Structure formats: structure tokens, C-alpha cells
């Protein structure tokens, strides 16, 4: 699963893209850009999304370029 697919899956779990944007306190176009792969998902947002989806969408799937193994939990 690439980051855009992971973001789209998260939006579906949370209701829709607009609801995900509201929960994350970001603008809806930002979520649309994440879901289309136009904009990368920042590591901090990946952690928030993982928490909001109760681990159904992992931070590693949302932001695979970040060195998660070396990051503190």
C-alpha cells in the first residue's frame, strides 16, 4: 500500500476526507493532496492518523520515508 492509498483508507475509516481534515485540523485540500499523492504526509500527521484509526492504518504506510525504527515511540 502506498501513502496515498493509506491516506484514502484512513479517510474511509474516519468517515470521509472532509471529516479527516476536521479531525486533524487541516484544510480539506491538504487531505485531498495526501490521498492523491500530490503532497507527502508529514510524520507528525502520520502519527495522528494512526491514533485516530486506532492502528488500522500504520504510520509506516503513511510516511514510509521517515526512519520510524530510530524514532522514539
PDB file of N, CA and C in Angstrom:
ATOM      1  N   UNK A   1       0.859  -1.177   0.000  1.00  0.00           N
ATOM      2  CA  UNK A   1       0.000   0.000   0.000  1.00  0.00           C
ATOM      3  C   UNK A   1       0.904   1.238   0.000  1.00  0.00           C
ATOM      4  N   UNK A   2       0.682   2.130  -0.940  1.00  0.00           N
ATOM      5  CA  UNK A   2       1.473   3.359  -0.958  1.00  0.00           C
ATOM      6  C   UNK A   2       0.834   4.405  -0.030  1.00  0.00           C
ATOM      7  N   UNK A   3       1.532   5.513   0.265  1.00  0.00           N
ATOM      8  CA  UNK A   3       0.985   6.511   1.190  1.00  0.00           C
ATOM      9  C   UNK A   3      -0.372   7.080   0.774  1.00  0.00           C
ATOM     10  N   UNK A   4      -0.579   7.300  -0.517  1.00  0.00           N
ATOM     11  CA  UNK A   4      -1.863   7.838  -0.975  1.00  0.00           C
ATOM     12  C   UNK A   4      -2.992   6.844  -0.704  1.00  0.00           C
ATOM     13  N   UNK A   5      -2.730   5.568  -0.945  1.00  0.00           N
ATOM     14  CA  UNK A   5      -3.739   4.537  -0.662  1.00  0.00           C
ATOM     15  C   UNK A   5      -4.000   4.444   0.836  1.00  0.00           C
ATOM     16  N   UNK A   6      -2.943   4.557   1.633  1.00  0.00           N
ATOM     17  CA  UNK A   6      -3.102   4.510   3.087  1.00  0.00           C
ATOM     18  C   UNK A   6      -3.924   5.698   3.586  1.00  0.00           C
ATOM     19  N   UNK A   7      -3.676   6.879   3.030  1.00  0.00           N
ATOM     20  CA  UNK A   7      -4.439   8.064   3.422  1.00  0.00           C
ATOM     21  C   UNK A   7      -5.905   7.922   3.032  1.00  0.00           C
ATOM     22  N   UNK A   8      -6.148   7.377   1.859  1.00  0.00           N
ATOM     23  CA  UNK A   8      -7.523   7.160   1.402  1.00  0.00           C
ATOM     24  C   UNK A   8      -8.230   6.152   2.292  1.00  0.00           C
ATOM     25  N   UNK A   9      -7.515   5.098   2.668  1.00  0.00           N
ATOM     26  CA  UNK A   9      -8.093   4.098   3.586  1.00  0.00           C
ATOM     27  C   UNK A   9      -8.428   4.746   4.923  1.00  0.00           C
ATOM     28  N   UNK A  10      -7.519   5.579   5.431  1.00  0.00           N
ATOM     29  CA  UNK A  10      -7.766   6.265   6.699  1.00  0.00           C
ATOM     30  C   UNK A  10      -8.987   7.168   6.606  1.00  0.00           C
ATOM     31  N   UNK A  11      -9.118   7.887   5.507  1.00  0.00           N
ATOM     32  CA  UNK A  11     -10.283   8.765   5.329  1.00  0.00           C
ATOM     33  C   UNK A  11     -11.572   7.948   5.350  1.00  0.00           C
ATOM     34  N   UNK A  12     -11.541   6.788   4.725  1.00  0.00           N
ATOM     35  CA  UNK A  12     -12.719   5.922   4.742  1.00  0.00           C
ATOM     36  C   UNK A  12     -13.054   5.439   6.142  1.00  0.00           C
ATOM     37  N   UNK A  13     -12.047   5.087   6.907  1.00  0.00           N
ATOM     38  CA  UNK A  13     -12.263   4.633   8.286  1.00  0.00           C
ATOM     39  C   UNK A  13     -12.842   5.761   9.136  1.00  0.00           C
ATOM     40  N   UNK A  14     -12.354   6.967   8.900  1.00  0.00           N
ATOM     41  CA  UNK A  14     -12.791   8.116   9.708  1.00  0.00           C
ATOM     42  C   UNK A  14     -14.086   8.742   9.211  1.00  0.00           C
ATOM     43  N   UNK A  15     -14.603   8.289   8.100  1.00  0.00           N
ATOM     44  CA  UNK A  15     -15.872   8.787   7.565  1.00  0.00           C
ATOM     45  C   UNK A  15     -15.727   9.270   6.145  1.00  0.00           C
ATOM     46  N   UNK A  16     -14.877  10.258   5.933  1.00  0.00           N
ATOM     47  CA  UNK A  16     -14.576  10.773   4.594  1.00  0.00           C
ATOM     48  C   UNK A  16     -13.414  11.757   4.709  1.00  0.00           C
ATOM     49  N   UNK A  17     -12.979  12.282   3.587  1.00  0.00           N
ATOM     50  CA  UNK A  17     -11.825  13.187   3.583  1.00  0.00           C
ATOM     51  C   UNK A  17     -12.097  14.462   4.376  1.00  0.00           C
ATOM     52  N   UNK A  18     -13.305  14.984   4.253  1.00  0.00           N
ATOM     53  CA  UNK A  18     -13.643  16.222   4.966  1.00  0.00           C
ATOM     54  C   UNK A  18     -13.611  16.006   6.475  1.00  0.00           C
ATOM     55  N   UNK A  19     -14.122  14.863   6.927  1.00  0.00           N
ATOM     56  CA  UNK A  19     -14.120  14.575   8.360  1.00  0.00           C
ATOM     57  C   UNK A  19     -12.688  14.372   8.854  1.00  0.00           C
ATOM     58  N   UNK A  20     -11.875  13.703   8.052  1.00  0.00           N
ATOM     59  CA  UNK A  20     -10.483  13.505   8.420  1.00  0.00           C
ATOM     60  C   UNK A  20      -9.778  14.859   8.556  1.00  0.00           C
ATOM     61  N   UNK A  21     -10.031  15.762   7.623  1.00  0.00           N
ATOM     62  CA  UNK A  21      -9.438  17.099   7.687  1.00  0.00           C
ATOM     63  C   UNK A  21      -9.845  17.815   8.967  1.00  0.00           C
ATOM     64  N   UNK A  22     -11.109  17.716   9.310  1.00  0.00           N
ATOM     65  CA  UNK A  22     -11.616  18.377  10.521  1.00  0.00           C
ATOM     66  C   UNK A  22     -10.963  17.786  11.768  1.00  0.00           C
ATOM     67  N   UNK A  23     -10.860  16.457  11.829  1.00  0.00           N
ATOM     68  CA  UNK A  23     -10.247  15.800  12.990  1.00  0.00           C
ATOM     69  C   UNK A  23      -8.774  16.176  13.146  1.00  0.00           C
ATOM     70  N   UNK A  24      -8.102  16.390  12.025  1.00  0.00           N
ATOM     71  CA  UNK A  24      -6.680  16.733  12.056  1.00  0.00           C
ATOM     72  C   UNK A  24      -6.438  18.242  12.097  1.00  0.00           C
ATOM     73  N   UNK A  25      -7.508  19.029  12.006  1.00  0.00           N
ATOM     74  CA  UNK A  25      -7.422  20.480  11.972  1.00  0.00           C
ATOM     75  C   UNK A  25      -6.534  20.967  10.821  1.00  0.00           C
ATOM     76  N   UNK A  26      -6.801  20.372   9.641  1.00  0.00           N
ATOM     77  CA  UNK A  26      -6.144  20.817   8.408  1.00  0.00           C
ATOM     78  C   UNK A  26      -7.231  21.139   7.395  1.00  0.00           C
ATOM     79  N   UNK A  27      -6.860  21.802   6.333  1.00  0.00           N
ATOM     80  CA  UNK A  27      -7.838  22.145   5.293  1.00  0.00           C
ATOM     81  C   UNK A  27      -8.129  20.920   4.432  1.00  0.00           C
ATOM     82  N   UNK A  28      -9.357  20.753   3.972  1.00  0.00           N
ATOM     83  CA  UNK A  28      -9.701  19.613   3.111  1.00  0.00           C
ATOM     84  C   UNK A  28      -8.794  19.435   1.892  1.00  0.00           C
ATOM     85  N   UNK A  29      -8.340  20.523   1.230  1.00  0.00           N
ATOM     86  CA  UNK A  29      -7.443  20.303   0.093  1.00  0.00           C
ATOM     87  C   UNK A  29      -6.148  19.581   0.486  1.00  0.00           C
ATOM     88  N   UNK A  30      -5.702  19.776   1.716  1.00  0.00           N
ATOM     89  CA  UNK A  30      -4.491  19.089   2.177  1.00  0.00           C
ATOM     90  C   UNK A  30      -4.728  17.586   2.187  1.00  0.00           C
ATOM     91  N   UNK A  31      -5.850  17.157   2.729  1.00  0.00           N
ATOM     92  CA  UNK A  31      -6.170  15.728   2.757  1.00  0.00           C
ATOM     93  C   UNK A  31      -6.331  15.199   1.339  1.00  0.00           C
ATOM     94  N   UNK A  32      -6.975  15.968   0.479  1.00  0.00           N
ATOM     95  CA  UNK A  32      -7.111  15.548  -0.920  1.00  0.00           C
ATOM     96  C   UNK A  32      -5.743  15.345  -1.567  1.00  0.00           C
ATOM     97  N   UNK A  33      -4.815  16.228  -1.274  1.00  0.00           N
ATOM     98  CA  UNK A  33      -3.466  16.109  -1.832  1.00  0.00           C
ATOM     99  C   UNK A  33      -2.742  14.895  -1.270  1.00  0.00           C
ATOM    100  N   UNK A  34      -2.939  14.581  -0.005  1.00  0.00           N
ATOM    101  CA  UNK A  34      -2.354  13.359   0.570  1.00  0.00           C
ATOM    102  C   UNK A  34      -2.927  12.128  -0.129  1.00  0.00           C
ATOM    103  N   UNK A  35      -4.242  12.136  -0.310  1.00  0.00           N
ATOM    104  CA  UNK A  35      -4.916  10.964  -0.897  1.00  0.00           C
ATOM    105  C   UNK A  35      -4.610  10.788  -2.382  1.00  0.00           C
ATOM    106  N   UNK A  36      -4.226  11.852  -3.043  1.00  0.00           N
ATOM    107  CA  UNK A  36      -3.890  11.742  -4.458  1.00  0.00           C
ATOM    108  C   UNK A  36      -2.389  11.572  -4.670  1.00  0.00           C
ATOM    109  N   UNK A  37      -1.623  11.688  -3.605  1.00  0.00           N
ATOM    110  CA  UNK A  37      -0.180  11.524  -3.713  1.00  0.00           C
ATOM    111  C   UNK A  37       0.559  12.772  -4.155  1.00  0.00           C
ATOM    112  N   UNK A  38      -0.134  13.898  -4.223  1.00  0.00           N
ATOM    113  CA  UNK A  38       0.483  15.153  -4.654  1.00  0.00           C
ATOM    114  C   UNK A  38       1.402  15.704  -3.556  1.00  0.00           C
ATOM    115  N   UNK A  39       1.002  15.529  -2.309  1.00  0.00           N
ATOM    116  CA  UNK A  39       1.745  16.058  -1.169  1.00  0.00           C
ATOM    117  C   UNK A  39       2.060  14.916  -0.215  1.00  0.00           C
ATOM    118  N   UNK A  40       3.297  14.861   0.309  1.00  0.00           N
ATOM    119  CA  UNK A  40       3.616  13.807   1.271  1.00  0.00           C
ATOM    120  C   UNK A  40       2.962  14.079   2.632  1.00  0.00           C
ATOM    121  N   UNK A  41       2.737  13.033   3.366  1.00  0.00           N
ATOM    122  CA  UNK A  41       2.142  13.151   4.695  1.00  0.00           C
ATOM    123  C   UNK A  41       3.276  13.362   5.699  1.00  0.00           C
ATOM    124  N   UNK A  42       3.231  14.444   6.465  1.00  0.00           N
ATOM    125  CA  UNK A  42       4.280  14.686   7.457  1.00  0.00           C
ATOM    126  C   UNK A  42       4.264  13.611   8.550  1.00  0.00           C
ATOM    127  N   UNK A  43       5.419  13.296   9.109  1.00  0.00           N
ATOM    128  CA  UNK A  43       5.474  12.273  10.165  1.00  0.00           C
ATOM    129  C   UNK A  43       4.526  12.538  11.331  1.00  0.00           C
ATOM    130  N   UNK A  44       4.422  13.776  11.769  1.00  0.00           N
ATOM    131  CA  UNK A  44       3.529  14.083  12.899  1.00  0.00           C
ATOM    132  C   UNK A  44       2.075  13.785  12.554  1.00  0.00           C
ATOM    133  N   UNK A  45       1.673  14.075  11.316  1.00  0.00           N
ATOM    134  CA  UNK A  45       0.298  13.777  10.891  1.00  0.00           C
ATOM    135  C   UNK A  45       0.097  12.267  10.760  1.00  0.00           C
ATOM    136  N   UNK A  46       1.137  11.558  10.331  1.00  0.00           N
ATOM    137  CA  UNK A  46       1.038  10.100  10.220  1.00  0.00           C
ATOM    138  C   UNK A  46       0.761   9.483  11.585  1.00  0.00           C
ATOM    139  N   UNK A  47       1.415  10.000  12.607  1.00  0.00           N
ATOM    140  CA  UNK A  47       1.176   9.503  13.976  1.00  0.00           C
ATOM    141  C   UNK A  47      -0.263   9.797  14.389  1.00  0.00           C
ATOM    142  N   UNK A  48      -0.736  11.005  14.103  1.00  0.00           N
ATOM    143  CA  UNK A  48      -2.115  11.366  14.449  1.00  0.00           C
ATOM    144  C   UNK A  48      -3.118  10.462  13.736  1.00  0.00           C
ATOM    145  N   UNK A  49      -2.876  10.207  12.463  1.00  0.00           N
ATOM    146  CA  UNK A  49      -3.797   9.372  11.684  1.00  0.00           C
ATOM    147  C   UNK A  49      -3.788   7.948  12.223  1.00  0.00           C
ATOM    148  N   UNK A  50      -2.622   7.429  12.555  1.00  0.00           N
ATOM    149  CA  UNK A  50      -2.547   6.087  13.135  1.00  0.00           C
ATOM    150  C   UNK A  50      -3.365   6.026  14.431  1.00  0.00           C
ATOM    151  N   UNK A  51      -3.252   7.052  15.245  1.00  0.00           N
ATOM    152  CA  UNK A  51      -4.004   7.103  16.506  1.00  0.00           C
ATOM    153  C   UNK A  51      -5.506   7.193  16.247  1.00  0.00           C
ATOM    154  N   UNK A  52      -5.908   8.079  15.331  1.00  0.00           N
ATOM    155  CA  UNK A  52      -7.334   8.244  15.037  1.00  0.00           C
ATOM    156  C   UNK A  52      -7.963   6.980  14.455  1.00  0.00           C
ATOM    157  N   UNK A  53      -7.191   6.219  13.692  1.00  0.00           N
ATOM    158  CA  UNK A  53      -7.719   4.985  13.093  1.00  0.00           C
ATOM    159  C   UNK A  53      -7.519   3.782  14.015  1.00  0.00           C
ATOM    160  N   UNK A  54      -7.047   4.062  15.229  1.00  0.00           N
ATOM    161  CA  UNK A  54      -6.805   3.001  16.226  1.00  0.00           C
ATOM    162  C   UNK A  54      -5.882   1.920  15.677  1.00  0.00           C
ATOM    163  N   UNK A  55      -4.876   2.356  14.927  1.00  0.00           N
ATOM    164  CA  UNK A  55      -3.869   1.454  14.407  1.00  0.00           C
ATOM    165  C   UNK A  55      -4.248   0.693  13.153  1.00  0.00           C
ATOM    166  N   UNK A  56      -5.419   0.966  12.602  1.00  0.00           N
ATOM    167  CA  UNK A  56      -5.823   0.282  11.373  1.00  0.00           C
ATOM    168  C   UNK A  56      -4.997   0.742  10.173  1.00  0.00           C
ATOM    169  N   UNK A  57      -4.491   1.969  10.248  1.00  0.00           N
ATOM    170  CA  UNK A  57      -3.589   2.489   9.223  1.00  0.00           C
ATOM    171  C   UNK A  57      -2.316   2.889   9.958  1.00  0.00           C
ATOM    172  N   UNK A  58      -1.220   2.251   9.608  1.00  0.00           N
ATOM    173  CA  UNK A  58       0.046   2.443  10.311  1.00  0.00           C
ATOM    174  C   UNK A  58       0.817   3.656   9.789  1.00  0.00           C
ATOM    175  N   UNK A  59       1.522   4.286  10.696  1.00  0.00           N
ATOM    176  CA  UNK A  59       2.346   5.455  10.346  1.00  0.00           C
ATOM    177  C   UNK A  59       3.372   5.121   9.274  1.00  0.00           C
ATOM    178  N   UNK A  60       3.900   3.893   9.304  1.00  0.00           N
ATOM    179  CA  UNK A  60       4.891   3.485   8.314  1.00  0.00           C
ATOM    180  C   UNK A  60       4.316   3.454   6.897  1.00  0.00           C
ATOM    181  N   UNK A  61       3.028   3.142   6.789  1.00  0.00           N
ATOM    182  CA  UNK A  61       2.369   3.132   5.474  1.00  0.00           C
ATOM    183  C   UNK A  61       2.106   4.552   4.983  1.00  0.00           C
ATOM    184  N   UNK A  62       1.842   5.447   5.909  1.00  0.00           N
ATOM    185  CA  UNK A  62       1.519   6.826   5.561  1.00  0.00           C
ATOM    186  C   UNK A  62       2.756   7.650   5.215  1.00  0.00           C
ATOM    187  N   UNK A  63       3.851   7.360   5.887  1.00  0.00           N
ATOM    188  CA  UNK A  63       5.081   8.137   5.712  1.00  0.00           C
ATOM    189  C   UNK A  63       6.278   7.184   5.720  1.00  0.00           C
ATOM    190  N   UNK A  64       6.421   6.385   4.658  1.00  0.00           N
ATOM    191  CA  UNK A  64       7.457   5.347   4.647  1.00  0.00           C
ATOM    192  C   UNK A  64       8.889   5.883   4.591  1.00  0.00           C
ATOM    193  N   UNK A  65       9.077   7.118   4.193  1.00  0.00           N
ATOM    194  CA  UNK A  65      10.439   7.657   4.082  1.00  0.00           C
ATOM    195  C   UNK A  65      11.030   8.059   5.434  1.00  0.00           C
ATOM    196  N   UNK A  66      10.203   8.162   6.464  1.00  0.00           N
ATOM    197  CA  UNK A  66      10.680   8.559   7.792  1.00  0.00           C
ATOM    198  C   UNK A  66      11.321   7.359   8.479  1.00  0.00           C
ATOM    199  N   UNK A  67      12.441   7.552   9.179  1.00  0.00           N
ATOM    200  CA  UNK A  67      13.102   6.425   9.863  1.00  0.00           C
ATOM    201  C   UNK A  67      12.420   6.058  11.182  1.00  0.00           C
ATOM    202  N   UNK A  68      11.278   5.406  11.092  1.00  0.00           N
ATOM    203  CA  UNK A  68      10.471   5.082  12.271  1.00  0.00           C
ATOM    204  C   UNK A  68      11.211   4.210  13.274  1.00  0.00           C
ATOM    205  N   UNK A  69      12.055   3.309  12.804  1.00  0.00           N
ATOM    206  CA  UNK A  69      12.762   2.393  13.711  1.00  0.00           C
ATOM    207  C   UNK A  69      13.658   3.168  14.682  1.00  0.00           C
ATOM    208  N   UNK A  70      14.167   4.300  14.240  1.00  0.00           N
ATOM    209  CA  UNK A  70      15.046   5.093  15.091  1.00  0.00           C
ATOM    210  C   UNK A  70      14.324   6.146  15.905  1.00  0.00           C
ATOM    211  N   UNK A  71      13.030   6.293  15.706  1.00  0.00           N
ATOM    212  CA  UNK A  71      12.252   7.319  16.399  1.00  0.00           C
ATOM    213  C   UNK A  71      11.716   6.789  17.720  1.00  0.00           C
ATOM    214  N   UNK A  72      11.649   7.647  18.705  1.00  0.00           N
ATOM    215  CA  UNK A  72      11.073   7.263  19.989  1.00  0.00           C
ATOM    216  C   UNK A  72       9.572   7.090  19.846  1.00  0.00           C
ATOM    217  N   UNK A  73       9.034   6.131  20.549  1.00  0.00           N
ATOM    218  CA  UNK A  73       7.591   5.837  20.454  1.00  0.00           C
ATOM    219  C   UNK A  73       6.764   6.852  21.192  1.00  0.00           C
TER     220      UNK A  73
END
